[in-house]
N, C-alpha and C. Protein backbone atom coordinates (compact mmCIF):
# COMPACT_ATOMS: atom_id res chain seq x y z
N MET A 1 -32.09 -37.20 -91.79
CA MET A 1 -31.08 -37.99 -92.46
C MET A 1 -30.52 -37.27 -93.69
N THR A 2 -31.13 -36.20 -94.09
CA THR A 2 -30.67 -35.48 -95.27
C THR A 2 -29.26 -34.95 -95.11
N ALA A 3 -28.93 -34.42 -93.94
CA ALA A 3 -27.65 -33.75 -93.74
C ALA A 3 -26.49 -34.72 -93.52
N ILE A 4 -26.73 -35.84 -92.86
CA ILE A 4 -25.66 -36.71 -92.40
C ILE A 4 -24.72 -37.17 -93.52
N PRO A 5 -25.21 -37.62 -94.68
CA PRO A 5 -24.28 -38.04 -95.73
C PRO A 5 -23.36 -36.92 -96.23
N ASN A 6 -23.73 -35.67 -95.96
CA ASN A 6 -22.94 -34.53 -96.42
C ASN A 6 -21.91 -34.06 -95.40
N LEU A 7 -21.88 -34.67 -94.24
CA LEU A 7 -20.95 -34.25 -93.18
C LEU A 7 -19.72 -35.13 -93.14
N PRO A 8 -18.58 -34.55 -92.72
CA PRO A 8 -17.37 -35.36 -92.55
C PRO A 8 -17.63 -36.46 -91.52
N GLY A 9 -17.21 -37.67 -91.82
CA GLY A 9 -17.40 -38.77 -90.90
C GLY A 9 -18.82 -39.32 -90.89
N LYS A 10 -19.70 -38.75 -91.70
CA LYS A 10 -21.09 -39.20 -91.81
C LYS A 10 -21.80 -39.24 -90.45
N THR A 11 -21.43 -38.32 -89.56
CA THR A 11 -22.02 -38.22 -88.23
C THR A 11 -22.26 -36.75 -87.93
N GLY A 12 -23.38 -36.45 -87.29
CA GLY A 12 -23.63 -35.06 -86.93
C GLY A 12 -24.60 -34.94 -85.78
N PHE A 13 -24.58 -33.78 -85.17
CA PHE A 13 -25.46 -33.46 -84.06
C PHE A 13 -26.34 -32.28 -84.47
N THR A 14 -27.56 -32.25 -83.96
CA THR A 14 -28.46 -31.13 -84.23
C THR A 14 -28.02 -29.93 -83.40
N ALA A 15 -27.59 -28.88 -84.07
CA ALA A 15 -27.16 -27.67 -83.37
C ALA A 15 -28.31 -26.68 -83.25
N ASN A 16 -29.21 -26.69 -84.24
CA ASN A 16 -30.34 -25.77 -84.23
C ASN A 16 -31.47 -26.41 -85.03
N LEU A 17 -32.69 -26.27 -84.52
CA LEU A 17 -33.87 -26.77 -85.22
C LEU A 17 -35.01 -25.78 -85.02
N ASN A 18 -35.53 -25.26 -86.12
CA ASN A 18 -36.61 -24.28 -86.07
C ASN A 18 -37.78 -24.82 -86.88
N ILE A 19 -38.93 -25.05 -86.22
CA ILE A 19 -40.11 -25.59 -86.88
C ILE A 19 -41.24 -24.57 -86.79
N ASN A 20 -41.86 -24.29 -87.93
CA ASN A 20 -43.03 -23.41 -88.00
C ASN A 20 -44.24 -24.28 -88.33
N TYR A 21 -45.18 -24.37 -87.38
CA TYR A 21 -46.40 -25.14 -87.59
C TYR A 21 -47.42 -24.23 -88.25
N ARG A 22 -47.86 -24.59 -89.46
CA ARG A 22 -48.73 -23.72 -90.26
C ARG A 22 -50.21 -24.10 -90.18
N HIS A 23 -50.49 -25.40 -90.18
CA HIS A 23 -51.87 -25.90 -90.11
C HIS A 23 -51.89 -27.17 -89.27
N PRO A 24 -53.06 -27.51 -88.70
CA PRO A 24 -53.16 -28.76 -87.93
C PRO A 24 -52.97 -29.97 -88.83
N CYS A 25 -52.41 -31.00 -88.27
CA CYS A 25 -52.19 -32.25 -89.00
C CYS A 25 -53.25 -33.26 -88.53
N ILE A 26 -54.05 -33.75 -89.44
CA ILE A 26 -55.12 -34.69 -89.12
C ILE A 26 -54.55 -36.11 -89.15
N ALA A 27 -54.99 -36.94 -88.19
CA ALA A 27 -54.54 -38.34 -88.15
C ALA A 27 -55.10 -39.11 -89.35
N ASP A 28 -54.49 -40.23 -89.66
CA ASP A 28 -54.93 -41.14 -90.73
C ASP A 28 -54.97 -40.49 -92.11
N GLN A 29 -53.92 -39.79 -92.46
CA GLN A 29 -53.81 -39.25 -93.81
C GLN A 29 -52.38 -39.41 -94.29
N PHE A 30 -52.21 -39.48 -95.59
CA PHE A 30 -50.88 -39.53 -96.17
C PHE A 30 -50.30 -38.12 -96.18
N LEU A 31 -49.00 -38.02 -95.92
CA LEU A 31 -48.31 -36.73 -95.92
C LEU A 31 -47.09 -36.82 -96.81
N ILE A 32 -46.65 -35.68 -97.29
CA ILE A 32 -45.46 -35.61 -98.13
C ILE A 32 -44.41 -34.78 -97.40
N ALA A 33 -43.29 -35.40 -97.09
CA ALA A 33 -42.18 -34.71 -96.43
C ALA A 33 -41.08 -34.51 -97.46
N HIS A 34 -40.55 -33.32 -97.50
CA HIS A 34 -39.45 -33.00 -98.43
C HIS A 34 -38.36 -32.27 -97.65
N SER A 35 -37.13 -32.72 -97.83
CA SER A 35 -36.01 -32.02 -97.19
C SER A 35 -34.86 -31.92 -98.17
N GLU A 36 -34.06 -30.88 -97.99
CA GLU A 36 -32.88 -30.71 -98.85
C GLU A 36 -31.80 -29.95 -98.11
N VAL A 37 -30.58 -30.28 -98.45
CA VAL A 37 -29.43 -29.56 -97.90
C VAL A 37 -29.29 -28.27 -98.70
N THR A 38 -29.30 -27.14 -98.00
CA THR A 38 -29.18 -25.86 -98.70
C THR A 38 -27.73 -25.43 -98.84
N SER A 39 -26.88 -25.82 -97.88
CA SER A 39 -25.44 -25.54 -98.01
C SER A 39 -24.66 -26.38 -97.01
N VAL A 40 -23.40 -26.58 -97.34
CA VAL A 40 -22.45 -27.27 -96.46
C VAL A 40 -21.23 -26.38 -96.35
N GLU A 41 -20.86 -26.07 -95.10
CA GLU A 41 -19.69 -25.23 -94.83
C GLU A 41 -18.81 -25.93 -93.81
N GLY A 42 -17.81 -26.64 -94.30
CA GLY A 42 -16.93 -27.38 -93.39
C GLY A 42 -17.68 -28.45 -92.63
N ARG A 43 -17.75 -28.31 -91.30
CA ARG A 43 -18.43 -29.29 -90.46
C ARG A 43 -19.93 -29.01 -90.31
N LYS A 44 -20.44 -27.99 -90.97
CA LYS A 44 -21.85 -27.59 -90.83
C LYS A 44 -22.65 -27.93 -92.08
N ALA A 45 -23.86 -28.45 -91.86
CA ALA A 45 -24.79 -28.69 -92.96
C ALA A 45 -26.11 -28.01 -92.62
N PHE A 46 -26.58 -27.17 -93.53
CA PHE A 46 -27.83 -26.43 -93.36
C PHE A 46 -28.92 -27.13 -94.17
N VAL A 47 -30.08 -27.34 -93.55
CA VAL A 47 -31.16 -28.09 -94.17
C VAL A 47 -32.47 -27.31 -94.06
N LYS A 48 -33.33 -27.46 -95.08
CA LYS A 48 -34.68 -26.93 -94.98
C LYS A 48 -35.63 -28.07 -95.32
N ALA A 49 -36.85 -28.01 -94.77
CA ALA A 49 -37.80 -29.09 -94.98
C ALA A 49 -39.23 -28.56 -94.96
N THR A 50 -40.12 -29.32 -95.60
CA THR A 50 -41.55 -29.00 -95.57
C THR A 50 -42.34 -30.29 -95.33
N LEU A 51 -43.52 -30.13 -94.77
CA LEU A 51 -44.47 -31.22 -94.59
C LEU A 51 -45.80 -30.74 -95.16
N LYS A 52 -46.31 -31.47 -96.16
CA LYS A 52 -47.54 -31.07 -96.84
C LYS A 52 -48.53 -32.22 -96.91
N THR A 53 -49.80 -31.86 -97.09
CA THR A 53 -50.81 -32.88 -97.38
C THR A 53 -50.69 -33.27 -98.84
N VAL A 54 -51.36 -34.35 -99.22
CA VAL A 54 -51.33 -34.77 -100.62
C VAL A 54 -51.93 -33.70 -101.52
N SER A 55 -52.88 -32.94 -101.00
CA SER A 55 -53.50 -31.87 -101.81
C SER A 55 -52.64 -30.61 -101.87
N GLY A 56 -51.52 -30.59 -101.12
CA GLY A 56 -50.58 -29.48 -101.21
C GLY A 56 -50.63 -28.47 -100.08
N THR A 57 -51.48 -28.68 -99.08
CA THR A 57 -51.54 -27.75 -97.95
C THR A 57 -50.27 -27.86 -97.12
N LEU A 58 -49.62 -26.74 -96.90
CA LEU A 58 -48.39 -26.72 -96.10
C LEU A 58 -48.76 -26.84 -94.62
N LEU A 59 -48.31 -27.91 -93.98
CA LEU A 59 -48.58 -28.13 -92.56
C LEU A 59 -47.47 -27.57 -91.68
N ALA A 60 -46.23 -27.71 -92.14
CA ALA A 60 -45.09 -27.22 -91.37
C ALA A 60 -43.89 -27.02 -92.28
N ASP A 61 -43.04 -26.09 -91.90
CA ASP A 61 -41.75 -25.93 -92.58
C ASP A 61 -40.69 -25.78 -91.50
N ALA A 62 -39.47 -26.13 -91.86
CA ALA A 62 -38.41 -26.14 -90.86
C ALA A 62 -37.06 -25.81 -91.48
N THR A 63 -36.17 -25.33 -90.64
CA THR A 63 -34.76 -25.18 -90.99
C THR A 63 -33.96 -25.81 -89.87
N ALA A 64 -32.79 -26.31 -90.22
CA ALA A 64 -31.95 -26.96 -89.22
C ALA A 64 -30.48 -26.79 -89.56
N LEU A 65 -29.67 -26.86 -88.52
CA LEU A 65 -28.22 -26.84 -88.66
C LEU A 65 -27.69 -28.08 -87.97
N PHE A 66 -26.93 -28.88 -88.72
CA PHE A 66 -26.29 -30.07 -88.17
C PHE A 66 -24.78 -29.86 -88.22
N VAL A 67 -24.09 -30.28 -87.16
CA VAL A 67 -22.65 -30.08 -87.06
C VAL A 67 -21.96 -31.41 -86.81
N ALA A 68 -20.91 -31.67 -87.58
CA ALA A 68 -20.11 -32.88 -87.37
C ALA A 68 -19.18 -32.65 -86.18
N PRO A 69 -18.96 -33.69 -85.37
CA PRO A 69 -18.06 -33.53 -84.23
C PRO A 69 -16.62 -33.31 -84.69
N ARG A 70 -15.85 -32.63 -83.84
CA ARG A 70 -14.44 -32.38 -84.17
C ARG A 70 -13.60 -33.66 -84.08
N VAL A 71 -14.04 -34.57 -83.22
CA VAL A 71 -13.32 -35.84 -83.04
C VAL A 71 -14.24 -36.98 -83.46
N PRO A 72 -13.69 -38.14 -83.81
CA PRO A 72 -14.53 -39.27 -84.20
C PRO A 72 -15.50 -39.68 -83.09
N VAL A 73 -16.68 -40.13 -83.47
CA VAL A 73 -17.69 -40.54 -82.50
C VAL A 73 -17.17 -41.65 -81.60
N SER A 74 -16.37 -42.55 -82.15
CA SER A 74 -15.82 -43.64 -81.33
C SER A 74 -15.01 -43.09 -80.16
N GLN A 75 -14.30 -42.00 -80.39
CA GLN A 75 -13.51 -41.38 -79.33
C GLN A 75 -14.43 -40.74 -78.28
N ILE A 76 -15.52 -40.15 -78.72
CA ILE A 76 -16.48 -39.53 -77.80
C ILE A 76 -17.13 -40.60 -76.92
N THR A 77 -17.61 -41.69 -77.53
CA THR A 77 -18.27 -42.74 -76.76
C THR A 77 -17.29 -43.42 -75.81
N GLU A 78 -16.05 -43.57 -76.24
CA GLU A 78 -15.02 -44.16 -75.37
C GLU A 78 -14.79 -43.26 -74.15
N GLN A 79 -14.72 -41.96 -74.36
CA GLN A 79 -14.52 -41.02 -73.25
C GLN A 79 -15.72 -41.03 -72.31
N LEU A 80 -16.92 -41.10 -72.86
CA LEU A 80 -18.13 -41.16 -72.02
C LEU A 80 -18.13 -42.42 -71.16
N ALA A 81 -17.72 -43.54 -71.74
CA ALA A 81 -17.65 -44.79 -70.98
C ALA A 81 -16.63 -44.69 -69.86
N GLN A 82 -15.49 -44.07 -70.13
CA GLN A 82 -14.46 -43.89 -69.11
C GLN A 82 -14.97 -42.98 -67.99
N ASP A 83 -15.66 -41.90 -68.36
CA ASP A 83 -16.21 -40.98 -67.37
C ASP A 83 -17.25 -41.67 -66.49
N LYS A 84 -18.10 -42.48 -67.11
CA LYS A 84 -19.14 -43.20 -66.36
C LYS A 84 -18.49 -44.20 -65.41
N ASN A 85 -17.47 -44.88 -65.87
CA ASN A 85 -16.75 -45.85 -65.05
C ASN A 85 -16.09 -45.15 -63.87
N ALA A 86 -15.47 -44.02 -64.13
CA ALA A 86 -14.80 -43.27 -63.06
C ALA A 86 -15.82 -42.75 -62.05
N ALA A 87 -16.98 -42.32 -62.52
CA ALA A 87 -18.01 -41.81 -61.62
C ALA A 87 -18.55 -42.92 -60.72
N SER A 88 -18.71 -44.12 -61.29
CA SER A 88 -19.21 -45.23 -60.48
C SER A 88 -18.17 -45.72 -59.48
N ASN A 89 -16.89 -45.47 -59.77
CA ASN A 89 -15.81 -45.84 -58.85
C ASN A 89 -15.50 -44.73 -57.85
N GLY A 90 -16.15 -43.57 -58.03
CA GLY A 90 -15.93 -42.45 -57.12
C GLY A 90 -14.65 -41.68 -57.38
N THR A 91 -14.09 -41.82 -58.58
CA THR A 91 -12.89 -41.06 -58.92
C THR A 91 -13.23 -40.01 -59.95
N ALA A 92 -12.56 -38.89 -59.88
CA ALA A 92 -12.80 -37.79 -60.82
C ALA A 92 -11.93 -37.97 -62.05
N VAL A 93 -12.44 -37.53 -63.18
CA VAL A 93 -11.69 -37.56 -64.43
C VAL A 93 -11.47 -36.13 -64.88
N ALA A 94 -10.24 -35.77 -65.16
CA ALA A 94 -9.93 -34.41 -65.62
C ALA A 94 -10.39 -34.26 -67.06
N ALA A 95 -10.98 -33.13 -67.37
CA ALA A 95 -11.43 -32.85 -68.74
C ALA A 95 -10.23 -32.63 -69.63
N GLN A 96 -10.31 -33.19 -70.84
CA GLN A 96 -9.23 -33.00 -71.80
C GLN A 96 -9.54 -31.80 -72.67
N ALA A 97 -8.54 -30.96 -72.89
CA ALA A 97 -8.74 -29.76 -73.70
C ALA A 97 -8.58 -30.07 -75.15
């Protein structure tokens, strides 16, 4: 959720996610998660994150790239619904460029 408020339209998709597991995570313990946006470039938001134990042991670190869609999400979901409807009716839908 760190990246989304920084993207145009407040919507984004995960384009890349890299997680490095450093130590095993034991069940039934409190953990500290920290994430921050490292940069925003147009439709792209770059994020880094860490997961640590309360005593400070690094369990995992990660980097991610989130990208805002070129068109509004409402338009994407509308097109998906039309495609699904056309597929169930046995008609083909031409892709829009």
